Amino acid sequence: MNPAEQYILNQPEPFRAILLHLQILVEHTLPEIELKFKYKIPFYYLKGKPFCYFNASHKKEFVDVGFVKGPQIKIHQEHQITENRKKMMSLRYTSLDAIKDNIFIDVLKAASELY
């Protein structure tokens, strides 16, 4: 099994459910994307370049989906977390219900157009 998939499956709830749902959305929306295990977390690559990562923060109780070209994504900015970042942006989820599939998919598509 891919270490990135193992990372996801080894997470306690609710992190595992959130990560699995996000994984399905990413891989369904961008079937050409490649899941790797970099920096000890699941990291997606698009066209051989870093695209986005998943990070389960147990201490802060959220799942962070970080986008490498985040500041260039101009849609749904009200949902974006940039806090002192110049090159990254993330979407954060504290529960499965917090994920709005249409917003997440819009952001994925906008980010993919930058590659």
PDB file of N, CA and C in Angstrom:
ATOM      1  N   MET A   1       0.843  -1.191   0.000  1.00  0.00           N
ATOM      2  CA  MET A   1       0.000   0.000   0.000  1.00  0.00           C
ATOM      3  C   MET A   1       0.884   1.249   0.000  1.00  0.00           C
ATOM      4  N   ASN A   2       0.461   2.248  -0.728  1.00  0.00           N
ATOM      5  CA  ASN A   2       1.140   3.528  -0.798  1.00  0.00           C
ATOM      6  C   ASN A   2       1.218   4.134   0.618  1.00  0.00           C
ATOM      7  N   PRO A   3       2.384   4.651   1.039  1.00  0.00           N
ATOM      8  CA  PRO A   3       2.485   5.254   2.385  1.00  0.00           C
ATOM      9  C   PRO A   3       1.517   6.411   2.601  1.00  0.00           C
ATOM     10  N   ALA A   4       1.186   7.133   1.538  1.00  0.00           N
ATOM     11  CA  ALA A   4       0.225   8.236   1.672  1.00  0.00           C
ATOM     12  C   ALA A   4      -1.160   7.693   2.008  1.00  0.00           C
ATOM     13  N   GLU A   5      -1.531   6.592   1.358  1.00  0.00           N
ATOM     14  CA  GLU A   5      -2.820   5.969   1.664  1.00  0.00           C
ATOM     15  C   GLU A   5      -2.814   5.398   3.079  1.00  0.00           C
ATOM     16  N   GLN A   6      -1.688   4.852   3.491  1.00  0.00           N
ATOM     17  CA  GLN A   6      -1.556   4.321   4.844  1.00  0.00           C
ATOM     18  C   GLN A   6      -1.724   5.437   5.876  1.00  0.00           C
ATOM     19  N   TYR A   7      -1.140   6.595   5.588  1.00  0.00           N
ATOM     20  CA  TYR A   7      -1.280   7.766   6.463  1.00  0.00           C
ATOM     21  C   TYR A   7      -2.762   8.079   6.666  1.00  0.00           C
ATOM     22  N   ILE A   8      -3.513   8.114   5.575  1.00  0.00           N
ATOM     23  CA  ILE A   8      -4.939   8.433   5.637  1.00  0.00           C
ATOM     24  C   ILE A   8      -5.692   7.380   6.448  1.00  0.00           C
ATOM     25  N   LEU A   9      -5.459   6.118   6.154  1.00  0.00           N
ATOM     26  CA  LEU A   9      -6.184   5.040   6.833  1.00  0.00           C
ATOM     27  C   LEU A   9      -5.829   4.924   8.312  1.00  0.00           C
ATOM     28  N   ASN A  10      -4.641   5.364   8.696  1.00  0.00           N
ATOM     29  CA  ASN A  10      -4.206   5.272  10.087  1.00  0.00           C
ATOM     30  C   ASN A  10      -4.689   6.425  10.963  1.00  0.00           C
ATOM     31  N   GLN A  11      -5.359   7.392  10.364  1.00  0.00           N
ATOM     32  CA  GLN A  11      -5.826   8.541  11.148  1.00  0.00           C
ATOM     33  C   GLN A  11      -7.042   8.161  11.985  1.00  0.00           C
ATOM     34  N   PRO A  12      -7.139   8.726  13.180  1.00  0.00           N
ATOM     35  CA  PRO A  12      -8.351   8.503  13.983  1.00  0.00           C
ATOM     36  C   PRO A  12      -9.506   9.308  13.386  1.00  0.00           C
ATOM     37  N   GLU A  13     -10.714   8.935  13.750  1.00  0.00           N
ATOM     38  CA  GLU A  13     -11.875   9.705  13.321  1.00  0.00           C
ATOM     39  C   GLU A  13     -11.900  11.018  14.096  1.00  0.00           C
ATOM     40  N   PRO A  14     -12.378  12.100  13.564  1.00  0.00           N
ATOM     41  CA  PRO A  14     -13.027  12.246  12.263  1.00  0.00           C
ATOM     42  C   PRO A  14     -12.050  12.494  11.113  1.00  0.00           C
ATOM     43  N   PHE A  15     -10.747  12.542  11.426  1.00  0.00           N
ATOM     44  CA  PHE A  15      -9.751  12.865  10.399  1.00  0.00           C
ATOM     45  C   PHE A  15      -9.776  11.881   9.223  1.00  0.00           C
ATOM     46  N   ARG A  16      -9.897  10.603   9.535  1.00  0.00           N
ATOM     47  CA  ARG A  16      -9.893   9.590   8.465  1.00  0.00           C
ATOM     48  C   ARG A  16     -11.057   9.813   7.500  1.00  0.00           C
ATOM     49  N   ALA A  17     -12.242  10.034   8.022  1.00  0.00           N
ATOM     50  CA  ALA A  17     -13.411  10.245   7.160  1.00  0.00           C
ATOM     51  C   ALA A  17     -13.246  11.498   6.294  1.00  0.00           C
ATOM     52  N   ILE A  18     -12.745  12.556   6.889  1.00  0.00           N
ATOM     53  CA  ILE A  18     -12.521  13.799   6.143  1.00  0.00           C
ATOM     54  C   ILE A  18     -11.503  13.558   5.030  1.00  0.00           C
ATOM     55  N   LEU A  19     -10.379  12.940   5.374  1.00  0.00           N
ATOM     56  CA  LEU A  19      -9.315  12.685   4.393  1.00  0.00           C
ATOM     57  C   LEU A  19      -9.777  11.772   3.267  1.00  0.00           C
ATOM     58  N   LEU A  20     -10.506  10.730   3.595  1.00  0.00           N
ATOM     59  CA  LEU A  20     -11.002   9.816   2.557  1.00  0.00           C
ATOM     60  C   LEU A  20     -11.957  10.530   1.606  1.00  0.00           C
ATOM     61  N   HIS A  21     -12.823  11.359   2.152  1.00  0.00           N
ATOM     62  CA  HIS A  21     -13.752  12.103   1.306  1.00  0.00           C
ATOM     63  C   HIS A  21     -12.994  13.059   0.380  1.00  0.00           C
ATOM     64  N   LEU A  22     -12.031  13.780   0.932  1.00  0.00           N
ATOM     65  CA  LEU A  22     -11.232  14.707   0.128  1.00  0.00           C
ATOM     66  C   LEU A  22     -10.430  13.958  -0.941  1.00  0.00           C
ATOM     67  N   GLN A  23      -9.901  12.796  -0.579  1.00  0.00           N
ATOM     68  CA  GLN A  23      -9.145  11.983  -1.535  1.00  0.00           C
ATOM     69  C   GLN A  23     -10.030  11.595  -2.726  1.00  0.00           C
ATOM     70  N   ILE A  24     -11.241  11.187  -2.448  1.00  0.00           N
ATOM     71  CA  ILE A  24     -12.183  10.821  -3.518  1.00  0.00           C
ATOM     72  C   ILE A  24     -12.452  12.029  -4.416  1.00  0.00           C
ATOM     73  N   LEU A  25     -12.676  13.189  -3.815  1.00  0.00           N
ATOM     74  CA  LEU A  25     -12.954  14.390  -4.608  1.00  0.00           C
ATOM     75  C   LEU A  25     -11.770  14.761  -5.497  1.00  0.00           C
ATOM     76  N   VAL A  26     -10.571  14.726  -4.934  1.00  0.00           N
ATOM     77  CA  VAL A  26      -9.368  15.083  -5.703  1.00  0.00           C
ATOM     78  C   VAL A  26      -9.175  14.119  -6.866  1.00  0.00           C
ATOM     79  N   GLU A  27      -9.214  12.825  -6.570  1.00  0.00           N
ATOM     80  CA  GLU A  27      -8.894  11.823  -7.589  1.00  0.00           C
ATOM     81  C   GLU A  27      -9.999  11.680  -8.635  1.00  0.00           C
ATOM     82  N   HIS A  28     -11.220  11.999  -8.271  1.00  0.00           N
ATOM     83  CA  HIS A  28     -12.312  11.967  -9.250  1.00  0.00           C
ATOM     84  C   HIS A  28     -12.259  13.210 -10.156  1.00  0.00           C
ATOM     85  N   THR A  29     -11.950  14.353  -9.560  1.00  0.00           N
ATOM     86  CA  THR A  29     -11.907  15.609 -10.306  1.00  0.00           C
ATOM     87  C   THR A  29     -10.690  15.676 -11.225  1.00  0.00           C
ATOM     88  N   LEU A  30      -9.557  15.180 -10.739  1.00  0.00           N
ATOM     89  CA  LEU A  30      -8.301  15.244 -11.496  1.00  0.00           C
ATOM     90  C   LEU A  30      -7.703  13.836 -11.606  1.00  0.00           C
ATOM     91  N   PRO A  31      -8.251  12.999 -12.475  1.00  0.00           N
ATOM     92  CA  PRO A  31      -7.801  11.603 -12.547  1.00  0.00           C
ATOM     93  C   PRO A  31      -6.319  11.437 -12.916  1.00  0.00           C
ATOM     94  N   GLU A  32      -5.720  12.446 -13.500  1.00  0.00           N
ATOM     95  CA  GLU A  32      -4.316  12.360 -13.879  1.00  0.00           C
ATOM     96  C   GLU A  32      -3.359  12.679 -12.725  1.00  0.00           C
ATOM     97  N   ILE A  33      -3.900  13.066 -11.588  1.00  0.00           N
ATOM     98  CA  ILE A  33      -3.080  13.457 -10.440  1.00  0.00           C
ATOM     99  C   ILE A  33      -2.402  12.243  -9.820  1.00  0.00           C
ATOM    100  N   GLU A  34      -1.244  12.476  -9.198  1.00  0.00           N
ATOM    101  CA  GLU A  34      -0.467  11.383  -8.610  1.00  0.00           C
ATOM    102  C   GLU A  34      -0.287  11.619  -7.111  1.00  0.00           C
ATOM    103  N   LEU A  35      -0.663  10.641  -6.308  1.00  0.00           N
ATOM    104  CA  LEU A  35      -0.528  10.730  -4.860  1.00  0.00           C
ATOM    105  C   LEU A  35       0.827  10.177  -4.433  1.00  0.00           C
ATOM    106  N   LYS A  36       1.596  11.019  -3.726  1.00  0.00           N
ATOM    107  CA  LYS A  36       2.899  10.618  -3.208  1.00  0.00           C
ATOM    108  C   LYS A  36       2.920  10.860  -1.699  1.00  0.00           C
ATOM    109  N   PHE A  37       3.986  10.414  -1.074  1.00  0.00           N
ATOM    110  CA  PHE A  37       4.166  10.640   0.359  1.00  0.00           C
ATOM    111  C   PHE A  37       5.430  11.473   0.523  1.00  0.00           C
ATOM    112  N   LYS A  38       5.256  12.766   0.743  1.00  0.00           N
ATOM    113  CA  LYS A  38       6.371  13.703   0.870  1.00  0.00           C
ATOM    114  C   LYS A  38       6.216  14.475   2.170  1.00  0.00           C
ATOM    115  N   TYR A  39       7.337  14.754   2.818  1.00  0.00           N
ATOM    116  CA  TYR A  39       7.326  15.524   4.058  1.00  0.00           C
ATOM    117  C   TYR A  39       6.444  14.861   5.122  1.00  0.00           C
ATOM    118  N   LYS A  40       6.330  13.538   5.043  1.00  0.00           N
ATOM    119  CA  LYS A  40       5.568  12.717   5.999  1.00  0.00           C
ATOM    120  C   LYS A  40       4.057  12.932   5.928  1.00  0.00           C
ATOM    121  N   ILE A  41       3.581  13.441   4.790  1.00  0.00           N
ATOM    122  CA  ILE A  41       2.146  13.638   4.587  1.00  0.00           C
ATOM    123  C   ILE A  41       1.780  13.297   3.146  1.00  0.00           C
ATOM    124  N   PRO A  42       0.494  13.041   2.867  1.00  0.00           N
ATOM    125  CA  PRO A  42       0.058  12.816   1.484  1.00  0.00           C
ATOM    126  C   PRO A  42       0.205  14.102   0.672  1.00  0.00           C
ATOM    127  N   PHE A  43       0.869  13.987  -0.472  1.00  0.00           N
ATOM    128  CA  PHE A  43       1.127  15.153  -1.316  1.00  0.00           C
ATOM    129  C   PHE A  43       0.786  14.788  -2.749  1.00  0.00           C
ATOM    130  N   TYR A  44      -0.127  15.537  -3.332  1.00  0.00           N
ATOM    131  CA  TYR A  44      -0.514  15.292  -4.719  1.00  0.00           C
ATOM    132  C   TYR A  44       0.386  16.073  -5.670  1.00  0.00           C
ATOM    133  N   TYR A  45       0.718  15.405  -6.786  1.00  0.00           N
ATOM    134  CA  TYR A  45       1.522  16.022  -7.848  1.00  0.00           C
ATOM    135  C   TYR A  45       0.699  16.034  -9.127  1.00  0.00           C
ATOM    136  N   LEU A  46       0.772  17.147  -9.833  1.00  0.00           N
ATOM    137  CA  LEU A  46       0.087  17.295 -11.111  1.00  0.00           C
ATOM    138  C   LEU A  46       1.127  17.669 -12.160  1.00  0.00           C
ATOM    139  N   LYS A  47       1.171  16.893 -13.215  1.00  0.00           N
ATOM    140  CA  LYS A  47       2.151  17.086 -14.288  1.00  0.00           C
ATOM    141  C   LYS A  47       3.580  17.100 -13.737  1.00  0.00           C
ATOM    142  N   GLY A  48       3.810  16.246 -12.732  1.00  0.00           N
ATOM    143  CA  GLY A  48       5.143  16.102 -12.143  1.00  0.00           C
ATOM    144  C   GLY A  48       5.532  17.192 -11.165  1.00  0.00           C
ATOM    145  N   LYS A  49       4.610  18.102 -10.840  1.00  0.00           N
ATOM    146  CA  LYS A  49       4.916  19.216  -9.942  1.00  0.00           C
ATOM    147  C   LYS A  49       4.007  19.175  -8.715  1.00  0.00           C
ATOM    148  N   PRO A  50       4.513  19.634  -7.565  1.00  0.00           N
ATOM    149  CA  PRO A  50       3.693  19.652  -6.349  1.00  0.00           C
ATOM    150  C   PRO A  50       2.416  20.455  -6.555  1.00  0.00           C
ATOM    151  N   PHE A  51       1.291  19.880  -6.124  1.00  0.00           N
ATOM    152  CA  PHE A  51      -0.016  20.496  -6.336  1.00  0.00           C
ATOM    153  C   PHE A  51      -0.685  20.862  -5.009  1.00  0.00           C
ATOM    154  N   CYS A  52      -0.973  19.839  -4.192  1.00  0.00           N
ATOM    155  CA  CYS A  52      -1.586  20.100  -2.893  1.00  0.00           C
ATOM    156  C   CYS A  52      -1.260  18.968  -1.929  1.00  0.00           C
ATOM    157  N   TYR A  53      -1.422  19.257  -0.642  1.00  0.00           N
ATOM    158  CA  TYR A  53      -1.148  18.243   0.377  1.00  0.00           C
ATOM    159  C   TYR A  53      -2.314  18.154   1.348  1.00  0.00           C
ATOM    160  N   PHE A  54      -2.354  17.026   2.057  1.00  0.00           N
ATOM    161  CA  PHE A  54      -3.304  16.811   3.147  1.00  0.00           C
ATOM    162  C   PHE A  54      -2.506  16.745   4.443  1.00  0.00           C
ATOM    163  N   ASN A  55      -2.956  17.444   5.467  1.00  0.00           N
ATOM    164  CA  ASN A  55      -2.316  17.360   6.768  1.00  0.00           C
ATOM    165  C   ASN A  55      -3.385  17.330   7.852  1.00  0.00           C
ATOM    166  N   ALA A  56      -3.395  16.263   8.626  1.00  0.00           N
ATOM    167  CA  ALA A  56      -4.330  16.156   9.748  1.00  0.00           C
ATOM    168  C   ALA A  56      -3.650  16.720  10.987  1.00  0.00           C
ATOM    169  N   SER A  57      -4.167  17.812  11.488  1.00  0.00           N
ATOM    170  CA  SER A  57      -3.612  18.435  12.691  1.00  0.00           C
ATOM    171  C   SER A  57      -4.456  18.007  13.886  1.00  0.00           C
ATOM    172  N   HIS A  58      -3.969  17.017  14.606  1.00  0.00           N
ATOM    173  CA  HIS A  58      -4.712  16.511  15.759  1.00  0.00           C
ATOM    174  C   HIS A  58      -4.777  17.565  16.856  1.00  0.00           C
ATOM    175  N   LYS A  59      -3.687  18.278  17.038  1.00  0.00           N
ATOM    176  CA  LYS A  59      -3.617  19.284  18.087  1.00  0.00           C
ATOM    177  C   LYS A  59      -4.615  20.417  17.843  1.00  0.00           C
ATOM    178  N   LYS A  60      -4.690  20.870  16.586  1.00  0.00           N
ATOM    179  CA  LYS A  60      -5.590  21.982  16.264  1.00  0.00           C
ATOM    180  C   LYS A  60      -6.956  21.511  15.776  1.00  0.00           C
ATOM    181  N   GLU A  61      -7.108  20.204  15.625  1.00  0.00           N
ATOM    182  CA  GLU A  61      -8.379  19.554  15.305  1.00  0.00           C
ATOM    183  C   GLU A  61      -8.974  19.974  13.956  1.00  0.00           C
ATOM    184  N   PHE A  62      -8.147  19.932  12.916  1.00  0.00           N
ATOM    185  CA  PHE A  62      -8.642  20.167  11.572  1.00  0.00           C
ATOM    186  C   PHE A  62      -7.783  19.422  10.561  1.00  0.00           C
ATOM    187  N   VAL A  63      -8.322  19.291   9.357  1.00  0.00           N
ATOM    188  CA  VAL A  63      -7.571  18.773   8.220  1.00  0.00           C
ATOM    189  C   VAL A  63      -7.290  19.966   7.324  1.00  0.00           C
ATOM    190  N   ASP A  64      -6.038  20.130   6.997  1.00  0.00           N
ATOM    191  CA  ASP A  64      -5.585  21.226   6.155  1.00  0.00           C
ATOM    192  C   ASP A  64      -5.303  20.678   4.763  1.00  0.00           C
ATOM    193  N   VAL A  65      -5.879  21.297   3.730  1.00  0.00           N
ATOM    194  CA  VAL A  65      -5.557  20.964   2.342  1.00  0.00           C
ATOM    195  C   VAL A  65      -4.812  22.176   1.805  1.00  0.00           C
ATOM    196  N   GLY A  66      -3.492  22.032   1.691  1.00  0.00           N
ATOM    197  CA  GLY A  66      -2.661  23.149   1.255  1.00  0.00           C
ATOM    198  C   GLY A  66      -2.423  23.114  -0.240  1.00  0.00           C
ATOM    199  N   PHE A  67      -2.583  24.254  -0.874  1.00  0.00           N
ATOM    200  CA  PHE A  67      -2.372  24.379  -2.315  1.00  0.00           C
ATOM    201  C   PHE A  67      -1.091  25.161  -2.572  1.00  0.00           C
ATOM    202  N   VAL A  68      -0.197  24.550  -3.345  1.00  0.00           N
ATOM    203  CA  VAL A  68       1.099  25.151  -3.613  1.00  0.00           C
ATOM    204  C   VAL A  68       0.967  26.506  -4.304  1.00  0.00           C
ATOM    205  N   LYS A  69       0.097  26.622  -5.269  1.00  0.00           N
ATOM    206  CA  LYS A  69      -0.095  27.884  -5.990  1.00  0.00           C
ATOM    207  C   LYS A  69      -1.327  28.623  -5.467  1.00  0.00           C
ATOM    208  N   GLY A  70      -1.590  28.444  -4.191  1.00  0.00           N
ATOM    209  CA  GLY A  70      -2.785  28.994  -3.569  1.00  0.00           C
ATOM    210  C   GLY A  70      -3.053  30.471  -3.772  1.00  0.00           C
ATOM    211  N   PRO A  71      -2.049  31.334  -3.583  1.00  0.00           N
ATOM    212  CA  PRO A  71      -2.318  32.768  -3.740  1.00  0.00           C
ATOM    213  C   PRO A  71      -2.790  33.156  -5.140  1.00  0.00           C
ATOM    214  N   GLN A  72      -2.571  32.294  -6.115  1.00  0.00           N
ATOM    215  CA  GLN A  72      -3.001  32.583  -7.484  1.00  0.00           C
ATOM    216  C   GLN A  72      -4.451  32.147  -7.737  1.00  0.00           C
ATOM    217  N   ILE A  73      -5.041  31.452  -6.781  1.00  0.00           N
ATOM    218  CA  ILE A  73      -6.423  30.982  -6.924  1.00  0.00           C
ATOM    219  C   ILE A  73      -7.350  32.102  -6.457  1.00  0.00           C
ATOM    220  N   LYS A  74      -8.136  32.609  -7.378  1.00  0.00           N
ATOM    221  CA  LYS A  74      -8.932  33.804  -7.101  1.00  0.00           C
ATOM    222  C   LYS A  74     -10.406  33.537  -6.798  1.00  0.00           C
ATOM    223  N   ILE A  75     -10.819  32.256  -6.788  1.00  0.00           N
ATOM    224  CA  ILE A  75     -12.221  31.968  -6.467  1.00  0.00           C
ATOM    225  C   ILE A  75     -12.350  31.479  -5.027  1.00  0.00           C
ATOM    226  N   HIS A  76     -13.496  31.712  -4.462  1.00  0.00           N
ATOM    227  CA  HIS A  76     -13.813  31.278  -3.100  1.00  0.00           C
ATOM    228  C   HIS A  76     -12.756  31.732  -2.088  1.00  0.00           C
ATOM    229  N   GLN A  77     -12.282  32.949  -2.251  1.00  0.00           N
ATOM    230  CA  GLN A  77     -11.236  33.450  -1.351  1.00  0.00           C
ATOM    231  C   GLN A  77     -11.716  33.576   0.091  1.00  0.00           C
ATOM    232  N   GLU A  78     -13.027  33.680   0.273  1.00  0.00           N
ATOM    233  CA  GLU A  78     -13.561  33.778   1.633  1.00  0.00           C
ATOM    234  C   GLU A  78     -13.366  32.484   2.422  1.00  0.00           C
ATOM    235  N   HIS A  79     -13.061  31.384   1.739  1.00  0.00           N
ATOM    236  CA  HIS A  79     -12.830  30.097   2.397  1.00  0.00           C
ATOM    237  C   HIS A  79     -11.343  29.782   2.549  1.00  0.00           C
ATOM    238  N   GLN A  80     -10.507  30.609   1.967  1.00  0.00           N
ATOM    239  CA  GLN A  80      -9.070  30.335   1.948  1.00  0.00           C
ATOM    240  C   GLN A  80      -8.386  30.817   3.222  1.00  0.00           C
ATOM    241  N   ILE A  81      -7.447  30.017   3.688  1.00  0.00           N
ATOM    242  CA  ILE A  81      -6.626  30.362   4.850  1.00  0.00           C
ATOM    243  C   ILE A  81      -5.228  30.668   4.315  1.00  0.00           C
ATOM    244  N   THR A  82      -4.759  31.883   4.566  1.00  0.00           N
ATOM    245  CA  THR A  82      -3.423  32.260   4.090  1.00  0.00           C
ATOM    246  C   THR A  82      -2.484  32.623   5.239  1.00  0.00           C
ATOM    247  N   GLU A  83      -2.999  32.965   6.376  1.00  0.00           N
ATOM    248  CA  GLU A  83      -2.265  33.387   7.568  1.00  0.00           C
ATOM    249  C   GLU A  83      -0.740  33.412   7.433  1.00  0.00           C
ATOM    250  N   ASN A  84      -0.241  34.562   7.072  1.00  0.00           N
ATOM    251  CA  ASN A  84       1.197  34.824   6.954  1.00  0.00           C
ATOM    252  C   ASN A  84       1.920  33.938   5.951  1.00  0.00           C
ATOM    253  N   ARG A  85       1.228  33.474   4.942  1.00  0.00           N
ATOM    254  CA  ARG A  85       1.844  32.656   3.904  1.00  0.00           C
ATOM    255  C   ARG A  85       1.916  33.468   2.620  1.00  0.00           C
ATOM    256  N   LYS A  86       3.026  33.365   1.926  1.00  0.00           N
ATOM    257  CA  LYS A  86       3.160  34.066   0.655  1.00  0.00           C
ATOM    258  C   LYS A  86       2.974  33.121  -0.523  1.00  0.00           C
ATOM    259  N   LYS A  87       3.305  31.846  -0.325  1.00  0.00           N
ATOM    260  CA  LYS A  87       3.280  30.913  -1.446  1.00  0.00           C
ATOM    261  C   LYS A  87       2.226  29.819  -1.314  1.00  0.00           C
ATOM    262  N   MET A  88       1.586  29.718  -0.194  1.00  0.00           N
ATOM    263  CA  MET A  88       0.623  28.638   0.035  1.00  0.00           C
ATOM    264  C   MET A  88      -0.721  29.218   0.475  1.00  0.00           C
ATOM    265  N   MET A  89      -1.751  28.419   0.256  1.00  0.00           N
ATOM    266  CA  MET A  89      -3.092  28.716   0.746  1.00  0.00           C
ATOM    267  C   MET A  89      -3.692  27.376   1.121  1.00  0.00           C
ATOM    268  N   SER A  90      -4.593  27.371   2.072  1.00  0.00           N
ATOM    269  CA  SER A  90      -5.227  26.106   2.413  1.00  0.00           C
ATOM    270  C   SER A  90      -6.723  26.276   2.637  1.00  0.00           C
ATOM    271  N   LEU A  91      -7.391  25.146   2.542  1.00  0.00           N
ATOM    272  CA  LEU A  91      -8.780  25.021   2.947  1.00  0.00           C
ATOM    273  C   LEU A  91      -8.744  24.110   4.166  1.00  0.00           C
ATOM    274  N   ARG A  92      -9.500  24.451   5.193  1.00  0.00           N
ATOM    275  CA  ARG A  92      -9.472  23.675   6.436  1.00  0.00           C
ATOM    276  C   ARG A  92     -10.853  23.145   6.764  1.00  0.00           C
ATOM    277  N   TYR A  93     -10.819  21.912   7.281  1.00  0.00           N
ATOM    278  CA  TYR A  93     -12.070  21.232   7.604  1.00  0.00           C
ATOM    279  C   TYR A  93     -11.984  20.595   8.984  1.00  0.00           C
ATOM    280  N   THR A  94     -13.001  20.878   9.801  1.00  0.00           N
ATOM    281  CA  THR A  94     -13.058  20.318  11.151  1.00  0.00           C
ATOM    282  C   THR A  94     -14.021  19.143  11.242  1.00  0.00           C
ATOM    283  N   SER A  95     -14.821  18.963  10.193  1.00  0.00           N
ATOM    284  CA  SER A  95     -15.765  17.848  10.168  1.00  0.00           C
ATOM    285  C   SER A  95     -16.098  17.509   8.724  1.00  0.00           C
ATOM    286  N   LEU A  96     -16.670  16.347   8.541  1.00  0.00           N
ATOM    287  CA  LEU A  96     -17.108  15.921   7.212  1.00  0.00           C
ATOM    288  C   LEU A  96     -18.194  16.848   6.686  1.00  0.00           C
ATOM    289  N   ASP A  97     -19.074  17.291   7.565  1.00  0.00           N
ATOM    290  CA  ASP A  97     -20.169  18.191   7.174  1.00  0.00           C
ATOM    291  C   ASP A  97     -19.670  19.564   6.729  1.00  0.00           C
ATOM    292  N   ALA A  98     -18.482  19.941   7.156  1.00  0.00           N
ATOM    293  CA  ALA A  98     -17.928  21.254   6.794  1.00  0.00           C
ATOM    294  C   ALA A  98     -17.465  21.311   5.341  1.00  0.00           C
ATOM    295  N   ILE A  99     -17.283  20.163   4.720  1.00  0.00           N
ATOM    296  CA  ILE A  99     -16.803  20.121   3.340  1.00  0.00           C
ATOM    297  C   ILE A  99     -17.957  20.429   2.393  1.00  0.00           C
ATOM    298  N   LYS A 100     -17.799  21.466   1.626  1.00  0.00           N
ATOM    299  CA  LYS A 100     -18.762  21.813   0.570  1.00  0.00           C
ATOM    300  C   LYS A 100     -18.124  21.343  -0.731  1.00  0.00           C
ATOM    301  N   ASP A 101     -18.589  20.205  -1.228  1.00  0.00           N
ATOM    302  CA  ASP A 101     -17.972  19.572  -2.393  1.00  0.00           C
ATOM    303  C   ASP A 101     -17.810  20.523  -3.569  1.00  0.00           C
ATOM    304  N   ASN A 102     -18.850  21.302  -3.862  1.00  0.00           N
ATOM    305  CA  ASN A 102     -18.786  22.181  -5.030  1.00  0.00           C
ATOM    306  C   ASN A 102     -17.682  23.234  -4.893  1.00  0.00           C
ATOM    307  N   ILE A 103     -17.499  23.779  -3.706  1.00  0.00           N
ATOM    308  CA  ILE A 103     -16.443  24.771  -3.473  1.00  0.00           C
ATOM    309  C   ILE A 103     -15.073  24.115  -3.600  1.00  0.00           C
ATOM    310  N   PHE A 104     -14.911  22.960  -2.987  1.00  0.00           N
ATOM    311  CA  PHE A 104     -13.627  22.253  -3.046  1.00  0.00           C
ATOM    312  C   PHE A 104     -13.273  21.903  -4.490  1.00  0.00           C
ATOM    313  N   ILE A 105     -14.242  21.412  -5.242  1.00  0.00           N
ATOM    314  CA  ILE A 105     -14.010  21.039  -6.641  1.00  0.00           C
ATOM    315  C   ILE A 105     -13.690  22.279  -7.482  1.00  0.00           C
ATOM    316  N   ASP A 106     -14.378  23.378  -7.237  1.00  0.00           N
ATOM    317  CA  ASP A 106     -14.069  24.630  -7.947  1.00  0.00           C
ATOM    318  C   ASP A 106     -12.620  25.040  -7.713  1.00  0.00           C
ATOM    319  N   VAL A 107     -12.179  24.948  -6.469  1.00  0.00           N
ATOM    320  CA  VAL A 107     -10.804  25.327  -6.128  1.00  0.00           C
ATOM    321  C   VAL A 107      -9.812  24.366  -6.796  1.00  0.00           C
ATOM    322  N   LEU A 108     -10.111  23.071  -6.770  1.00  0.00           N
ATOM    323  CA  LEU A 108      -9.244  22.095  -7.447  1.00  0.00           C
ATOM    324  C   LEU A 108      -9.081  22.429  -8.927  1.00  0.00           C
ATOM    325  N   LYS A 109     -10.204  22.711  -9.577  1.00  0.00           N
ATOM    326  CA  LYS A 109     -10.169  23.004 -11.016  1.00  0.00           C
ATOM    327  C   LYS A 109      -9.398  24.293 -11.282  1.00  0.00           C
ATOM    328  N   ALA A 110      -9.637  25.309 -10.479  1.00  0.00           N
ATOM    329  CA  ALA A 110      -8.915  26.585 -10.664  1.00  0.00           C
ATOM    330  C   ALA A 110      -7.417  26.383 -10.449  1.00  0.00           C
ATOM    331  N   ALA A 111      -7.062  25.617  -9.430  1.00  0.00           N
ATOM    332  CA  ALA A 111      -5.635  25.357  -9.161  1.00  0.00           C
ATOM    333  C   ALA A 111      -5.003  24.574 -10.299  1.00  0.00           C
ATOM    334  N   SER A 112      -5.732  23.592 -10.848  1.00  0.00           N
ATOM    335  CA  SER A 112      -5.173  22.760 -11.914  1.00  0.00           C
ATOM    336  C   SER A 112      -4.920  23.566 -13.186  1.00  0.00           C
ATOM    337  N   GLU A 113      -5.690  24.618 -13.391  1.00  0.00           N
ATOM    338  CA  GLU A 113      -5.495  25.459 -14.581  1.00  0.00           C
ATOM    339  C   GLU A 113      -4.191  26.248 -14.516  1.00  0.00           C
ATOM    340  N   LEU A 114      -3.566  26.302 -13.358  1.00  0.00           N
ATOM    341  CA  LEU A 114      -2.294  27.013 -13.192  1.00  0.00           C
ATOM    342  C   LEU A 114      -1.092  26.143 -13.573  1.00  0.00           C
ATOM    343  N   TYR A 115      -1.349  24.892 -13.955  1.00  0.00           N
ATOM    344  CA  TYR A 115      -0.266  23.950 -14.296  1.00  0.00           C
ATOM    345  C   TYR A 115      -0.191  23.695 -15.779  1.00  0.00           C
TER     346      TYR A 115
END
